[in-house]
Protein backbone atom coordinates (compact mmCIF):
# COMPACT_ATOMS: atom_id res chain seq x y z
CA MET A 1 32.50 -54.99 36.10
CA THR A 2 28.80 -53.89 35.22
CA GLN A 3 26.08 -52.86 37.84
CA ILE A 4 21.97 -51.30 37.28
CA ASN A 5 21.70 -48.26 39.69
CA ARG A 6 18.89 -47.22 41.66
CA LYS A 7 17.79 -45.06 38.07
CA GLY A 8 18.07 -48.62 35.79
CA ALA A 9 21.54 -47.20 34.40
CA PHE A 10 24.62 -48.73 33.90
CA VAL A 11 27.61 -48.49 35.57
CA MET A 12 30.87 -49.76 35.35
CA THR A 13 32.58 -50.99 39.59
CA THR A 14 35.43 -49.21 40.38
CA TYR A 15 37.76 -51.21 43.31
CA LEU A 16 39.87 -49.50 45.01
CA THR A 17 42.89 -50.59 47.89
CA THR A 18 42.65 -49.06 50.88
CA GLU A 19 45.68 -46.79 49.89
CA GLU A 20 43.16 -45.20 47.46
CA LEU A 21 40.67 -44.94 49.77
CA SER A 22 42.14 -43.27 51.96
CA GLN A 23 43.07 -40.68 49.07
CA ARG A 24 39.30 -40.55 47.81
CA ILE A 25 37.91 -39.81 51.86
CA LYS A 26 41.05 -38.34 54.03
CA TYR A 27 40.54 -41.24 55.62
CA ASP A 28 43.70 -42.83 56.98
CA THR A 29 44.24 -45.99 55.86
CA ARG A 30 44.47 -47.30 59.82
CA THR A 31 41.08 -45.70 60.49
CA ILE A 32 39.63 -47.09 57.26
CA ARG A 33 41.24 -50.58 58.33
CA GLN A 34 40.20 -50.48 62.13
CA CYS A 35 37.07 -48.02 62.39
CA LEU A 36 35.17 -48.52 59.37
CA MET A 37 35.89 -51.87 58.26
CA ASN A 38 33.36 -54.13 59.49
CA ALA A 39 31.40 -50.81 61.69
CA VAL A 40 30.23 -49.23 58.48
CA LEU A 41 31.89 -50.88 55.67
CA PHE A 42 30.87 -54.52 55.37
CA GLU A 43 31.76 -57.44 53.08
CA GLY A 44 30.31 -58.42 50.06
CA VAL A 45 28.09 -55.00 50.29
CA HIS A 46 31.37 -52.04 50.35
CA TYR A 47 34.95 -54.73 49.74
CA ILE A 48 35.22 -58.07 48.98
CA ARG A 49 38.64 -59.94 49.08
CA PRO A 50 39.45 -61.63 45.82
CA PHE A 51 39.75 -64.98 44.57
CA GLY A 52 39.51 -65.64 48.91
CA GLY A 53 42.49 -63.82 49.33
CA ARG A 54 44.18 -61.27 52.31
CA LYS A 55 43.95 -58.58 49.80
CA ILE A 56 41.24 -56.01 49.59
CA LEU A 57 39.32 -54.13 47.01
CA PHE A 58 36.43 -51.42 47.98
CA ILE A 59 33.89 -51.03 45.52
CA TRP A 60 34.24 -47.48 45.26
CA GLU A 61 30.17 -46.61 44.48
CA GLN A 62 28.77 -48.52 47.30
CA VAL A 63 30.99 -46.76 49.14
CA GLU A 64 30.30 -43.43 47.79
CA GLU A 65 26.36 -43.72 48.67
CA THR A 66 26.86 -45.39 52.19
CA MET A 67 29.47 -41.83 52.70
CA LEU A 68 26.23 -39.73 50.43
CA HIS A 69 23.23 -41.54 51.87
CA GLY A 70 23.48 -43.36 55.00
CA ALA A 71 22.39 -47.12 55.10
CA SER A 72 20.11 -48.11 57.97
CA ALA A 73 20.43 -51.48 58.90
CA ASN A 74 17.18 -52.73 56.51
CA ASP A 75 19.18 -51.27 53.38
CA LEU A 76 22.63 -53.79 55.04
CA ILE A 77 20.25 -55.97 55.16
CA ASN A 78 18.40 -55.83 52.00
CA MET A 79 21.39 -55.83 50.27
CA MET A 80 23.68 -58.28 51.49
CA GLU A 81 20.92 -61.52 51.25
CA GLY A 82 20.95 -60.20 47.70
């Protein structure tokens, strides 16, 4: 999937499993599931459940953006609304 970033450039979306995200950000998978999900990483913004299933895929570009720059509540609301 491709998206347009804030600078107007096309970027490919990188999907990661919880284990792959764990390796990139150096957090245990359990910490990601129990502490970060729904506290700072939100469904529909930072991760998806493909085909309505249980599997979770994280959107690396969104996770990285939040890690580097943080996100205010207004930013998250705007991202979730479209």
